[in-house]
Amino acid sequence: MKIKEDLITDWQMLMSGIKQIAQKVPEFKVKVLPDKKIIINKYEVICHFINNEYVEAKVSFKNEDYLSVRHVKSHASTVETILTFIRNNPNP
C-alpha cells in the first residue's frame, strides 16, 4: 500500500519541527538516531503512519510508551504537546 503524499509531508514536518525546536531549548539534549528516532533527554520520540490515515507521534522510555499523540491538523500543537510533556516530566 502506498502512503499518501500528505501523510509523508506531515511526518517530515513533525519530525523536523520536533528536532529543530528541541535543539533550541537549553534544557533539552537532542540526538537523532539512524533509524529516524529522536532522543530528547532520556525520551525517544518517533512519528509513524497508522492505517494510511494519520500520523501518530509517540514518546517512550525503555520501550514503554508514555505519550501517544494523533496528529490531526496543527503541526504546532502536536510539536508543542510532545515537547511540553518532555519538559514537564524530566524523570521518566
C-alpha atoms as a PDB file:
ATOM      1  CA  MET A   1       0.000   0.000   0.000  1.00  0.00           C
ATOM      2  CA  LYS A   2       1.392   3.365  -0.999  1.00  0.00           C
ATOM      3  CA  ILE A   3       1.469   6.027   1.706  1.00  0.00           C
ATOM      4  CA  LYS A   4      -0.494   9.187   0.954  1.00  0.00           C
ATOM      5  CA  GLU A   5       1.681  12.142  -0.039  1.00  0.00           C
ATOM      6  CA  ASP A   6       0.115  14.469   2.555  1.00  0.00           C
ATOM      7  CA  LEU A   7       0.949  11.954   5.305  1.00  0.00           C
ATOM      8  CA  ILE A   8       4.585  11.900   4.207  1.00  0.00           C
ATOM      9  CA  THR A   9       4.636  15.707   4.325  1.00  0.00           C
ATOM     10  CA  ASP A  10       3.054  15.703   7.805  1.00  0.00           C
ATOM     11  CA  TRP A  11       5.608  13.144   9.016  1.00  0.00           C
ATOM     12  CA  GLN A  12       8.522  15.201   7.676  1.00  0.00           C
ATOM     13  CA  MET A  13       7.208  18.441   9.168  1.00  0.00           C
ATOM     14  CA  LEU A  14       6.579  16.879  12.572  1.00  0.00           C
ATOM     15  CA  MET A  15       9.928  15.127  12.821  1.00  0.00           C
ATOM     16  CA  SER A  16      11.916  18.159  11.665  1.00  0.00           C
ATOM     17  CA  GLY A  17       9.834  20.514  13.825  1.00  0.00           C
ATOM     18  CA  ILE A  18      10.323  18.419  16.952  1.00  0.00           C
ATOM     19  CA  LYS A  19      14.075  18.210  16.333  1.00  0.00           C
ATOM     20  CA  GLN A  20      14.623  21.862  15.408  1.00  0.00           C
ATOM     21  CA  ILE A  21      12.580  23.324  18.252  1.00  0.00           C
ATOM     22  CA  ALA A  22      14.012  20.913  20.846  1.00  0.00           C
ATOM     23  CA  GLN A  23      17.550  21.878  19.784  1.00  0.00           C
ATOM     24  CA  LYS A  24      16.772  25.492  20.712  1.00  0.00           C
ATOM     25  CA  VAL A  25      15.657  24.608  24.250  1.00  0.00           C
ATOM     26  CA  PRO A  26      18.710  24.760  26.545  1.00  0.00           C
ATOM     27  CA  GLU A  27      17.472  22.028  28.906  1.00  0.00           C
ATOM     28  CA  PHE A  28      16.993  19.506  26.072  1.00  0.00           C
ATOM     29  CA  LYS A  29      19.805  17.269  24.856  1.00  0.00           C
ATOM     30  CA  VAL A  30      18.840  16.197  21.333  1.00  0.00           C
ATOM     31  CA  LYS A  31      20.223  13.362  19.232  1.00  0.00           C
ATOM     32  CA  VAL A  32      18.891  11.834  16.012  1.00  0.00           C
ATOM     33  CA  LEU A  33      19.427   8.105  15.555  1.00  0.00           C
ATOM     34  CA  PRO A  34      19.987   6.429  12.162  1.00  0.00           C
ATOM     35  CA  ASP A  35      16.550   4.791  12.377  1.00  0.00           C
ATOM     36  CA  LYS A  36      14.944   8.273  12.431  1.00  0.00           C
ATOM     37  CA  LYS A  37      14.171   8.257  16.152  1.00  0.00           C
ATOM     38  CA  ILE A  38      14.833  11.467  18.041  1.00  0.00           C
ATOM     39  CA  ILE A  39      16.243  11.219  21.549  1.00  0.00           C
ATOM     40  CA  ILE A  40      15.353  14.183  23.757  1.00  0.00           C
ATOM     41  CA  ASN A  41      16.972  13.855  27.157  1.00  0.00           C
ATOM     42  CA  LYS A  42      16.028  10.273  28.106  1.00  0.00           C
ATOM     43  CA  TYR A  43      12.922  10.047  25.928  1.00  0.00           C
ATOM     44  CA  GLU A  44      12.647   8.509  22.478  1.00  0.00           C
ATOM     45  CA  VAL A  45      10.328  10.282  20.011  1.00  0.00           C
ATOM     46  CA  ILE A  46       9.117   8.761  16.758  1.00  0.00           C
ATOM     47  CA  CYS A  47       6.334   9.537  14.329  1.00  0.00           C
ATOM     48  CA  HIS A  48       4.758   6.805  12.242  1.00  0.00           C
ATOM     49  CA  PHE A  49       1.792   6.152   9.974  1.00  0.00           C
ATOM     50  CA  ILE A  50      -1.388   4.480  11.195  1.00  0.00           C
ATOM     51  CA  ASN A  51      -3.584   2.694   8.614  1.00  0.00           C
ATOM     52  CA  ASN A  52      -2.553   5.180   5.915  1.00  0.00           C
ATOM     53  CA  GLU A  53      -4.976   7.561   7.661  1.00  0.00           C
ATOM     54  CA  TYR A  54      -2.925   9.708  10.013  1.00  0.00           C
ATOM     55  CA  VAL A  55       0.447  10.286  11.631  1.00  0.00           C
ATOM     56  CA  GLU A  56       0.966   9.381  15.264  1.00  0.00           C
ATOM     57  CA  ALA A  57       3.759  10.735  17.451  1.00  0.00           C
ATOM     58  CA  LYS A  58       4.954   8.598  20.350  1.00  0.00           C
ATOM     59  CA  VAL A  59       7.126   9.415  23.327  1.00  0.00           C
ATOM     60  CA  SER A  60       8.666   6.420  25.042  1.00  0.00           C
ATOM     61  CA  PHE A  61      11.351   5.452  27.512  1.00  0.00           C
ATOM     62  CA  LYS A  62      12.957   1.993  27.517  1.00  0.00           C
ATOM     63  CA  ASN A  63      10.326   0.698  25.067  1.00  0.00           C
ATOM     64  CA  GLU A  64       7.441   1.788  27.295  1.00  0.00           C
ATOM     65  CA  ASP A  65       5.076   4.319  25.727  1.00  0.00           C
ATOM     66  CA  TYR A  66       4.443   7.384  27.853  1.00  0.00           C
ATOM     67  CA  LEU A  67       2.525   9.569  25.394  1.00  0.00           C
ATOM     68  CA  SER A  68       0.842   8.983  22.069  1.00  0.00           C
ATOM     69  CA  VAL A  69      -0.494  11.914  20.042  1.00  0.00           C
ATOM     70  CA  ARG A  70      -2.596  11.544  16.934  1.00  0.00           C
ATOM     71  CA  HIS A  71      -1.689  14.393  14.608  1.00  0.00           C
ATOM     72  CA  VAL A  72      -4.792  15.912  13.017  1.00  0.00           C
ATOM     73  CA  LYS A  73      -4.198  19.386  11.567  1.00  0.00           C
ATOM     74  CA  SER A  74      -1.964  21.673  13.606  1.00  0.00           C
ATOM     75  CA  HIS A  75       1.726  20.813  13.399  1.00  0.00           C
ATOM     76  CA  ALA A  76       2.489  23.430  16.060  1.00  0.00           C
ATOM     77  CA  SER A  77       0.035  21.902  18.544  1.00  0.00           C
ATOM     78  CA  THR A  78       1.373  18.396  18.033  1.00  0.00           C
ATOM     79  CA  VAL A  79       5.002  19.502  18.463  1.00  0.00           C
ATOM     80  CA  GLU A  80       4.107  21.642  21.489  1.00  0.00           C
ATOM     81  CA  THR A  81       2.289  18.736  23.150  1.00  0.00           C
ATOM     82  CA  ILE A  82       5.307  16.443  22.726  1.00  0.00           C
ATOM     83  CA  LEU A  83       7.873  18.961  23.967  1.00  0.00           C
ATOM     84  CA  THR A  84       5.711  20.173  26.863  1.00  0.00           C
ATOM     85  CA  PHE A  85       5.281  16.592  28.063  1.00  0.00           C
ATOM     86  CA  ILE A  86       9.048  16.044  27.993  1.00  0.00           C
ATOM     87  CA  ARG A  87       9.734  19.339  29.756  1.00  0.00           C
ATOM     88  CA  ASN A  88       7.129  18.667  32.473  1.00  0.00           C
ATOM     89  CA  ASN A  89       8.318  15.087  33.056  1.00  0.00           C
ATOM     90  CA  PRO A  90      12.117  15.265  33.193  1.00  0.00           C
ATOM     91  CA  ASN A  91      12.464  11.934  35.013  1.00  0.00           C
ATOM     92  CA  PRO A  92      10.632   9.042  33.370  1.00  0.00           C
END
